[in-house]
PDB file of N, CA and C in Angstrom:
ATOM      1  N   UNK A   1     -58.143  81.477-111.405  1.00  0.00           N
ATOM      2  CA  UNK A   1     -59.308  81.902-112.026  1.00  0.00           C
ATOM      3  C   UNK A   1     -60.605  81.803-111.607  1.00  0.00           C
ATOM      4  N   UNK A   2     -61.589  82.469-111.756  1.00  0.00           N
ATOM      5  CA  UNK A   2     -62.699  82.332-111.263  1.00  0.00           C
ATOM      6  C   UNK A   2     -63.784  81.339-111.897  1.00  0.00           C
ATOM      7  N   UNK A   3     -64.529  80.699-111.503  1.00  0.00           N
ATOM      8  CA  UNK A   3     -65.308  79.686-111.879  1.00  0.00           C
ATOM      9  C   UNK A   3     -66.720  80.427-112.564  1.00  0.00           C
ATOM     10  N   UNK A   4     -67.236  79.990-113.726  1.00  0.00           N
ATOM     11  CA  UNK A   4     -68.272  80.480-114.394  1.00  0.00           C
ATOM     12  C   UNK A   4     -69.571  79.909-113.546  1.00  0.00           C
ATOM     13  N   UNK A   5     -70.658  80.601-113.604  1.00  0.00           N
ATOM     14  CA  UNK A   5     -72.056  80.425-113.054  1.00  0.00           C
ATOM     15  C   UNK A   5     -72.909  80.196-114.198  1.00  0.00           C
ATOM     16  N   UNK A   6     -73.820  79.292-114.200  1.00  0.00           N
ATOM     17  CA  UNK A   6     -74.864  78.993-115.064  1.00  0.00           C
ATOM     18  C   UNK A   6     -75.968  80.058-114.710  1.00  0.00           C
ATOM     19  N   UNK A   7     -76.496  80.585-115.598  1.00  0.00           N
ATOM     20  CA  UNK A   7     -77.462  81.792-115.644  1.00  0.00           C
ATOM     21  C   UNK A   7     -78.924  81.450-116.346  1.00  0.00           C
ATOM     22  N   UNK A   8     -78.937  80.674-117.175  1.00  0.00           N
ATOM     23  CA  UNK A   8     -80.187  80.405-117.893  1.00  0.00           C
ATOM     24  C   UNK A   8     -79.969  78.953-118.446  1.00  0.00           C
ATOM     25  N   UNK A   9     -81.000  78.321-119.017  1.00  0.00           N
ATOM     26  CA  UNK A   9     -81.034  77.055-119.454  1.00  0.00           C
ATOM     27  C   UNK A   9     -81.951  77.115-120.959  1.00  0.00           C
ATOM     28  N   UNK A  10     -81.904  76.281-121.743  1.00  0.00           N
ATOM     29  CA  UNK A  10     -82.656  75.942-122.879  1.00  0.00           C
ATOM     30  C   UNK A  10     -83.162  74.477-122.670  1.00  0.00           C
ATOM     31  N   UNK A  11     -84.699  74.276-122.976  1.00  0.00           N
ATOM     32  CA  UNK A  11     -85.244  73.046-122.847  1.00  0.00           C
ATOM     33  C   UNK A  11     -85.707  72.844-123.985  1.00  0.00           C
ATOM     34  N   UNK A  12     -85.536  71.290-124.439  1.00  0.00           N
ATOM     35  CA  UNK A  12     -86.507  70.695-125.435  1.00  0.00           C
ATOM     36  C   UNK A  12     -87.850  70.799-125.171  1.00  0.00           C
ATOM     37  N   UNK A  13     -88.602  70.267-126.160  1.00  0.00           N
ATOM     38  CA  UNK A  13     -90.435  70.296-126.082  1.00  0.00           C
ATOM     39  C   UNK A  13     -90.553  69.220-124.936  1.00  0.00           C
ATOM     40  N   UNK A  14     -89.896  68.232-124.535  1.00  0.00           N
ATOM     41  CA  UNK A  14     -90.090  67.464-123.257  1.00  0.00           C
ATOM     42  C   UNK A  14     -89.562  68.103-122.030  1.00  0.00           C
ATOM     43  N   UNK A  15     -89.111  69.363-121.862  1.00  0.00           N
ATOM     44  CA  UNK A  15     -88.550  69.885-120.735  1.00  0.00           C
ATOM     45  C   UNK A  15     -87.102  69.711-120.371  1.00  0.00           C
ATOM     46  N   UNK A  16     -86.451  68.710-121.122  1.00  0.00           N
ATOM     47  CA  UNK A  16     -85.183  68.182-120.616  1.00  0.00           C
ATOM     48  C   UNK A  16     -83.999  69.195-121.256  1.00  0.00           C
ATOM     49  N   UNK A  17     -83.177  69.787-120.100  1.00  0.00           N
ATOM     50  CA  UNK A  17     -82.155  70.873-120.435  1.00  0.00           C
ATOM     51  C   UNK A  17     -81.267  70.244-121.727  1.00  0.00           C
ATOM     52  N   UNK A  18     -81.168  71.197-122.686  1.00  0.00           N
ATOM     53  CA  UNK A  18     -80.111  70.804-123.623  1.00  0.00           C
ATOM     54  C   UNK A  18     -79.024  71.713-123.839  1.00  0.00           C
ATOM     55  N   UNK A  19     -79.202  72.963-123.291  1.00  0.00           N
ATOM     56  CA  UNK A  19     -78.099  73.906-123.309  1.00  0.00           C
ATOM     57  C   UNK A  19     -78.266  74.732-121.963  1.00  0.00           C
ATOM     58  N   UNK A  20     -77.009  75.257-121.807  1.00  0.00           N
ATOM     59  CA  UNK A  20     -76.974  75.996-120.704  1.00  0.00           C
ATOM     60  C   UNK A  20     -76.235  77.681-121.212  1.00  0.00           C
ATOM     61  N   UNK A  21     -76.500  78.582-120.347  1.00  0.00           N
ATOM     62  CA  UNK A  21     -75.777  79.994-120.575  1.00  0.00           C
ATOM     63  C   UNK A  21     -75.321  80.310-119.549  1.00  0.00           C
ATOM     64  N   UNK A  22     -73.834  80.688-119.553  1.00  0.00           N
ATOM     65  CA  UNK A  22     -72.846  81.240-118.318  1.00  0.00           C
ATOM     66  C   UNK A  22     -73.189  82.452-118.136  1.00  0.00           C
ATOM     67  N   UNK A  23     -72.544  83.093-117.036  1.00  0.00           N
ATOM     68  CA  UNK A  23     -72.809  84.391-116.735  1.00  0.00           C
ATOM     69  C   UNK A  23     -72.057  85.479-117.562  1.00  0.00           C
ATOM     70  N   UNK A  24     -70.975  84.805-118.479  1.00  0.00           N
ATOM     71  CA  UNK A  24     -70.446  85.757-119.391  1.00  0.00           C
ATOM     72  C   UNK A  24     -71.237  85.731-120.669  1.00  0.00           C
ATOM     73  N   UNK A  25     -72.291  85.189-120.719  1.00  0.00           N
ATOM     74  CA  UNK A  25     -73.199  85.313-121.906  1.00  0.00           C
ATOM     75  C   UNK A  25     -73.020  84.052-123.023  1.00  0.00           C
ATOM     76  N   UNK A  26     -72.069  83.291-122.673  1.00  0.00           N
ATOM     77  CA  UNK A  26     -71.731  82.252-123.668  1.00  0.00           C
ATOM     78  C   UNK A  26     -72.722  80.990-123.508  1.00  0.00           C
ATOM     79  N   UNK A  27     -73.092  80.270-124.328  1.00  0.00           N
ATOM     80  CA  UNK A  27     -73.883  79.285-124.133  1.00  0.00           C
ATOM     81  C   UNK A  27     -73.068  77.934-124.821  1.00  0.00           C
ATOM     82  N   UNK A  28     -73.498  76.795-124.064  1.00  0.00           N
ATOM     83  CA  UNK A  28     -72.789  75.486-124.083  1.00  0.00           C
ATOM     84  C   UNK A  28     -73.910  74.288-124.335  1.00  0.00           C
ATOM     85  N   UNK A  29     -73.546  73.523-124.931  1.00  0.00           N
ATOM     86  CA  UNK A  29     -74.561  72.133-124.953  1.00  0.00           C
ATOM     87  C   UNK A  29     -74.244  71.442-123.717  1.00  0.00           C
ATOM     88  N   UNK A  30     -75.271  70.708-123.124  1.00  0.00           N
ATOM     89  CA  UNK A  30     -75.402  70.053-121.964  1.00  0.00           C
ATOM     90  C   UNK A  30     -74.166  69.223-121.717  1.00  0.00           C
ATOM     91  N   UNK A  31     -73.679  68.412-122.750  1.00  0.00           N
ATOM     92  CA  UNK A  31     -72.523  67.631-122.757  1.00  0.00           C
ATOM     93  C   UNK A  31     -71.211  68.428-122.742  1.00  0.00           C
ATOM     94  N   UNK A  32     -71.161  69.650-123.413  1.00  0.00           N
ATOM     95  CA  UNK A  32     -69.961  70.542-123.008  1.00  0.00           C
ATOM     96  C   UNK A  32     -69.983  71.052-121.712  1.00  0.00           C
ATOM     97  N   UNK A  33     -71.252  71.293-120.936  1.00  0.00           N
ATOM     98  CA  UNK A  33     -71.237  71.839-119.668  1.00  0.00           C
ATOM     99  C   UNK A  33     -70.829  70.744-118.824  1.00  0.00           C
ATOM    100  N   UNK A  34     -71.334  69.768-119.028  1.00  0.00           N
ATOM    101  CA  UNK A  34     -70.786  68.361-117.991  1.00  0.00           C
ATOM    102  C   UNK A  34     -69.331  68.133-117.984  1.00  0.00           C
ATOM    103  N   UNK A  35     -68.718  68.422-119.147  1.00  0.00           N
ATOM    104  CA  UNK A  35     -67.265  68.178-119.248  1.00  0.00           C
ATOM    105  C   UNK A  35     -66.636  69.404-118.558  1.00  0.00           C
ATOM    106  N   UNK A  36     -67.348  70.655-118.625  1.00  0.00           N
ATOM    107  CA  UNK A  36     -66.670  71.903-118.166  1.00  0.00           C
ATOM    108  C   UNK A  36     -66.674  71.605-116.559  1.00  0.00           C
ATOM    109  N   UNK A  37     -67.734  71.076-116.152  1.00  0.00           N
ATOM    110  CA  UNK A  37     -68.197  70.957-114.721  1.00  0.00           C
ATOM    111  C   UNK A  37     -67.047  69.929-114.265  1.00  0.00           C
ATOM    112  N   UNK A  38     -66.763  68.783-114.873  1.00  0.00           N
ATOM    113  CA  UNK A  38     -65.979  67.710-114.601  1.00  0.00           C
ATOM    114  C   UNK A  38     -64.471  68.633-114.452  1.00  0.00           C
ATOM    115  N   UNK A  39     -64.044  69.397-115.248  1.00  0.00           N
ATOM    116  CA  UNK A  39     -62.999  70.048-115.382  1.00  0.00           C
ATOM    117  C   UNK A  39     -63.015  71.389-114.235  1.00  0.00           C
ATOM    118  N   UNK A  40     -63.796  71.279-113.434  1.00  0.00           N
ATOM    119  CA  UNK A  40     -64.058  72.416-112.464  1.00  0.00           C
ATOM    120  C   UNK A  40     -64.018  73.697-112.903  1.00  0.00           C
ATOM    121  N   UNK A  41     -64.974  74.022-114.017  1.00  0.00           N
ATOM    122  CA  UNK A  41     -65.016  75.485-114.498  1.00  0.00           C
ATOM    123  C   UNK A  41     -66.280  76.043-114.178  1.00  0.00           C
ATOM    124  N   UNK A  42     -67.234  75.358-113.765  1.00  0.00           N
ATOM    125  CA  UNK A  42     -68.405  75.816-113.387  1.00  0.00           C
ATOM    126  C   UNK A  42     -68.883  75.449-112.010  1.00  0.00           C
ATOM    127  N   UNK A  43     -69.282  76.566-111.374  1.00  0.00           N
ATOM    128  CA  UNK A  43     -69.434  76.335-109.890  1.00  0.00           C
ATOM    129  C   UNK A  43     -71.026  76.164-109.651  1.00  0.00           C
ATOM    130  N   UNK A  44     -71.326  75.478-108.489  1.00  0.00           N
ATOM    131  CA  UNK A  44     -72.825  75.440-108.069  1.00  0.00           C
ATOM    132  C   UNK A  44     -73.423  74.299-108.684  1.00  0.00           C
ATOM    133  N   UNK A  45     -72.804  73.421-109.456  1.00  0.00           N
ATOM    134  CA  UNK A  45     -73.474  72.432-110.029  1.00  0.00           C
ATOM    135  C   UNK A  45     -72.445  70.919-109.870  1.00  0.00           C
ATOM    136  N   UNK A  46     -73.075  69.824-110.222  1.00  0.00           N
ATOM    137  CA  UNK A  46     -72.131  68.689-110.096  1.00  0.00           C
ATOM    138  C   UNK A  46     -72.662  67.655-111.245  1.00  0.00           C
ATOM    139  N   UNK A  47     -72.090  66.648-111.657  1.00  0.00           N
ATOM    140  CA  UNK A  47     -72.486  65.739-112.538  1.00  0.00           C
ATOM    141  C   UNK A  47     -73.170  64.514-112.003  1.00  0.00           C
ATOM    142  N   UNK A  48     -74.464  64.176-112.157  1.00  0.00           N
ATOM    143  CA  UNK A  48     -75.280  62.873-111.658  1.00  0.00           C
ATOM    144  C   UNK A  48     -75.287  62.025-112.905  1.00  0.00           C
ATOM    145  N   UNK A  49     -75.613  60.803-112.478  1.00  0.00           N
ATOM    146  CA  UNK A  49     -75.828  59.586-113.443  1.00  0.00           C
ATOM    147  C   UNK A  49     -77.204  59.054-112.967  1.00  0.00           C
ATOM    148  N   UNK A  50     -78.048  58.884-114.236  1.00  0.00           N
ATOM    149  CA  UNK A  50     -79.347  58.264-113.979  1.00  0.00           C
ATOM    150  C   UNK A  50     -79.319  56.818-113.855  1.00  0.00           C
ATOM    151  N   UNK A  51     -80.170  56.087-113.760  1.00  0.00           N
ATOM    152  CA  UNK A  51     -80.230  54.502-113.628  1.00  0.00           C
ATOM    153  C   UNK A  51     -79.888  54.127-114.869  1.00  0.00           C
ATOM    154  N   UNK A  52     -80.270  54.766-115.997  1.00  0.00           N
ATOM    155  CA  UNK A  52     -79.981  54.165-117.390  1.00  0.00           C
ATOM    156  C   UNK A  52     -78.678  54.607-117.825  1.00  0.00           C
ATOM    157  N   UNK A  53     -77.793  55.293-117.048  1.00  0.00           N
ATOM    158  CA  UNK A  53     -76.399  55.575-117.362  1.00  0.00           C
ATOM    159  C   UNK A  53     -76.250  57.033-117.876  1.00  0.00           C
ATOM    160  N   UNK A  54     -77.057  57.523-118.367  1.00  0.00           N
ATOM    161  CA  UNK A  54     -76.954  58.936-118.936  1.00  0.00           C
ATOM    162  C   UNK A  54     -76.683  59.840-117.760  1.00  0.00           C
ATOM    163  N   UNK A  55     -75.708  60.882-118.198  1.00  0.00           N
ATOM    164  CA  UNK A  55     -75.233  61.614-117.137  1.00  0.00           C
ATOM    165  C   UNK A  55     -75.969  63.238-117.128  1.00  0.00           C
ATOM    166  N   UNK A  56     -75.950  63.892-116.315  1.00  0.00           N
ATOM    167  CA  UNK A  56     -76.848  65.012-116.265  1.00  0.00           C
ATOM    168  C   UNK A  56     -76.254  65.939-115.263  1.00  0.00           C
ATOM    169  N   UNK A  57     -76.639  67.322-115.303  1.00  0.00           N
ATOM    170  CA  UNK A  57     -76.032  68.453-114.647  1.00  0.00           C
ATOM    171  C   UNK A  57     -77.141  68.555-113.351  1.00  0.00           C
ATOM    172  N   UNK A  58     -76.732  68.826-112.114  1.00  0.00           N
ATOM    173  CA  UNK A  58     -77.740  69.106-111.173  1.00  0.00           C
ATOM    174  C   UNK A  58     -77.200  70.140-110.197  1.00  0.00           C
ATOM    175  N   UNK A  59     -77.896  71.077-109.570  1.00  0.00           N
ATOM    176  CA  UNK A  59     -77.440  71.829-108.660  1.00  0.00           C
ATOM    177  C   UNK A  59     -76.889  71.258-107.463  1.00  0.00           C
ATOM    178  N   UNK A  60     -75.760  71.811-106.858  1.00  0.00           N
ATOM    179  CA  UNK A  60     -75.417  71.170-105.548  1.00  0.00           C
ATOM    180  C   UNK A  60     -76.229  71.455-104.592  1.00  0.00           C
ATOM    181  N   UNK A  61     -76.625  70.416-103.865  1.00  0.00           N
ATOM    182  CA  UNK A  61     -77.725  70.509-102.779  1.00  0.00           C
ATOM    183  C   UNK A  61     -77.342  71.508-101.893  1.00  0.00           C
ATOM    184  N   UNK A  62     -78.710  72.259-101.542  1.00  0.00           N
ATOM    185  CA  UNK A  62     -78.658  73.365-100.524  1.00  0.00           C
ATOM    186  C   UNK A  62     -79.816  73.475-100.011  1.00  0.00           C
ATOM    187  N   UNK A  63     -80.868  72.582-100.145  1.00  0.00           N
ATOM    188  CA  UNK A  63     -82.209  72.854 -99.539  1.00  0.00           C
ATOM    189  C   UNK A  63     -82.980  73.875-100.248  1.00  0.00           C
ATOM    190  N   UNK A  64     -82.643  74.651-101.231  1.00  0.00           N
ATOM    191  CA  UNK A  64     -83.589  75.442-101.847  1.00  0.00           C
ATOM    192  C   UNK A  64     -83.872  75.143-103.019  1.00  0.00           C
ATOM    193  N   UNK A  65     -85.211  75.234-103.428  1.00  0.00           N
ATOM    194  CA  UNK A  65     -85.785  75.087-104.722  1.00  0.00           C
ATOM    195  C   UNK A  65     -85.710  75.786-105.940  1.00  0.00           C
ATOM    196  N   UNK A  66     -85.385  77.120-105.405  1.00  0.00           N
ATOM    197  CA  UNK A  66     -85.524  78.113-106.671  1.00  0.00           C
ATOM    198  C   UNK A  66     -83.986  78.232-107.173  1.00  0.00           C
ATOM    199  N   UNK A  67     -82.923  77.546-107.014  1.00  0.00           N
ATOM    200  CA  UNK A  67     -81.780  77.366-107.725  1.00  0.00           C
ATOM    201  C   UNK A  67     -81.737  75.906-108.422  1.00  0.00           C
ATOM    202  N   UNK A  68     -82.762  75.411-108.445  1.00  0.00           N
ATOM    203  CA  UNK A  68     -82.683  73.934-109.399  1.00  0.00           C
ATOM    204  C   UNK A  68     -82.531  74.383-110.584  1.00  0.00           C
ATOM    205  N   UNK A  69     -81.605  73.702-111.595  1.00  0.00           N
ATOM    206  CA  UNK A  69     -81.476  74.125-112.906  1.00  0.00           C
ATOM    207  C   UNK A  69     -83.043  74.145-113.567  1.00  0.00           C
ATOM    208  N   UNK A  70     -83.824  73.448-113.297  1.00  0.00           N
ATOM    209  CA  UNK A  70     -85.213  73.399-113.875  1.00  0.00           C
ATOM    210  C   UNK A  70     -85.856  74.880-113.671  1.00  0.00           C
ATOM    211  N   UNK A  71     -85.488  75.339-112.582  1.00  0.00           N
ATOM    212  CA  UNK A  71     -86.145  76.722-112.316  1.00  0.00           C
ATOM    213  C   UNK A  71     -85.378  77.849-112.751  1.00  0.00           C
ATOM    214  N   UNK A  72     -84.469  77.622-113.625  1.00  0.00           N
ATOM    215  CA  UNK A  72     -83.643  78.798-114.171  1.00  0.00           C
ATOM    216  C   UNK A  72     -84.356  79.410-115.480  1.00  0.00           C
ATOM    217  N   UNK A  73     -84.088  80.874-115.546  1.00  0.00           N
ATOM    218  CA  UNK A  73     -84.641  81.249-116.592  1.00  0.00           C
ATOM    219  C   UNK A  73     -84.625  80.657-117.957  1.00  0.00           C
ATOM    220  N   UNK A  74     -85.211  80.480-119.133  1.00  0.00           N
ATOM    221  CA  UNK A  74     -84.742  79.996-120.280  1.00  0.00           C
ATOM    222  C   UNK A  74     -84.330  81.086-121.217  1.00  0.00           C
ATOM    223  N   UNK A  75     -83.616  80.622-122.169  1.00  0.00           N
ATOM    224  CA  UNK A  75     -83.240  81.513-123.300  1.00  0.00           C
ATOM    225  C   UNK A  75     -83.374  80.839-124.617  1.00  0.00           C
TER     226      UNK A  75
END
Protein backbone atom coordinates (compact mmCIF):
# COMPACT_ATOMS: atom_id res chain seq x y z
CA UNK A 1 0.00 0.00 0.00
CA UNK A 2 1.33 3.42 -0.97
CA UNK A 3 1.74 5.97 1.81
CA UNK A 4 -0.18 9.24 1.70
CA UNK A 5 1.47 12.65 1.40
CA UNK A 6 0.46 15.88 3.09
CA UNK A 7 -0.38 18.56 0.53
CA UNK A 8 -2.03 21.34 2.58
CA UNK A 9 -2.47 22.46 6.18
CA UNK A 10 -5.03 24.43 8.17
CA UNK A 11 -3.83 26.81 10.88
CA UNK A 12 -5.53 28.52 13.78
CA UNK A 13 -5.33 32.26 14.47
CA UNK A 14 -1.98 31.73 16.24
CA UNK A 15 -0.44 29.97 13.23
CA UNK A 16 -0.54 26.52 14.83
CA UNK A 17 -1.36 23.68 12.42
CA UNK A 18 -4.70 22.14 13.40
CA UNK A 19 -5.52 19.96 10.37
CA UNK A 20 -3.81 18.47 7.34
CA UNK A 21 -5.00 17.51 3.86
CA UNK A 22 -3.60 14.47 2.10
CA UNK A 23 -2.98 13.96 -1.60
CA UNK A 24 -6.28 12.04 -1.85
CA UNK A 25 -8.18 15.18 -0.79
CA UNK A 26 -9.17 13.91 2.66
CA UNK A 27 -8.47 16.12 5.66
CA UNK A 28 -7.67 15.03 9.21
CA UNK A 29 -7.10 16.66 12.56
CA UNK A 30 -3.49 16.98 13.61
CA UNK A 31 -4.08 14.34 16.31
CA UNK A 32 -5.41 11.87 13.72
CA UNK A 33 -2.45 12.70 11.45
CA UNK A 34 -0.02 12.04 14.30
CA UNK A 35 -1.55 8.61 14.82
CA UNK A 36 -1.53 7.91 11.09
CA UNK A 37 2.17 8.84 11.01
CA UNK A 38 2.84 6.45 13.89
CA UNK A 39 0.97 3.77 11.93
CA UNK A 40 3.32 4.45 8.97
CA UNK A 41 0.49 5.69 6.71
CA UNK A 42 1.91 9.15 5.91
CA UNK A 43 5.32 9.68 4.32
CA UNK A 44 7.71 12.60 4.70
CA UNK A 45 6.83 13.45 8.30
CA UNK A 46 7.61 12.22 11.78
CA UNK A 47 6.24 12.82 15.27
CA UNK A 48 8.17 15.21 17.51
CA UNK A 49 7.63 16.09 21.14
CA UNK A 50 7.96 19.60 22.56
CA UNK A 51 9.58 20.26 25.94
CA UNK A 52 6.10 20.59 27.45
CA UNK A 53 5.23 17.07 26.24
CA UNK A 54 2.91 18.10 23.41
CA UNK A 55 3.38 15.99 20.28
CA UNK A 56 3.48 17.55 16.83
CA UNK A 57 4.19 16.65 13.22
CA UNK A 58 7.34 17.80 11.50
CA UNK A 59 8.75 17.25 8.05
CA UNK A 60 11.56 14.73 7.77
CA UNK A 61 14.86 16.64 7.77
CA UNK A 62 16.34 17.17 4.32
CA UNK A 63 17.85 20.65 4.49
CA UNK A 64 15.07 22.27 2.45
CA UNK A 65 12.94 25.08 3.87
CA UNK A 66 10.13 24.92 1.29
CA UNK A 67 8.82 21.55 2.48
CA UNK A 68 8.46 22.48 6.16
CA UNK A 69 4.83 22.00 7.13
CA UNK A 70 4.52 25.70 8.05
CA UNK A 71 5.27 26.55 4.41
CA UNK A 72 2.59 24.28 2.89
CA UNK A 73 -0.44 25.86 1.20
CA UNK A 74 -3.42 26.39 3.49
CA UNK A 75 -6.96 25.14 2.99
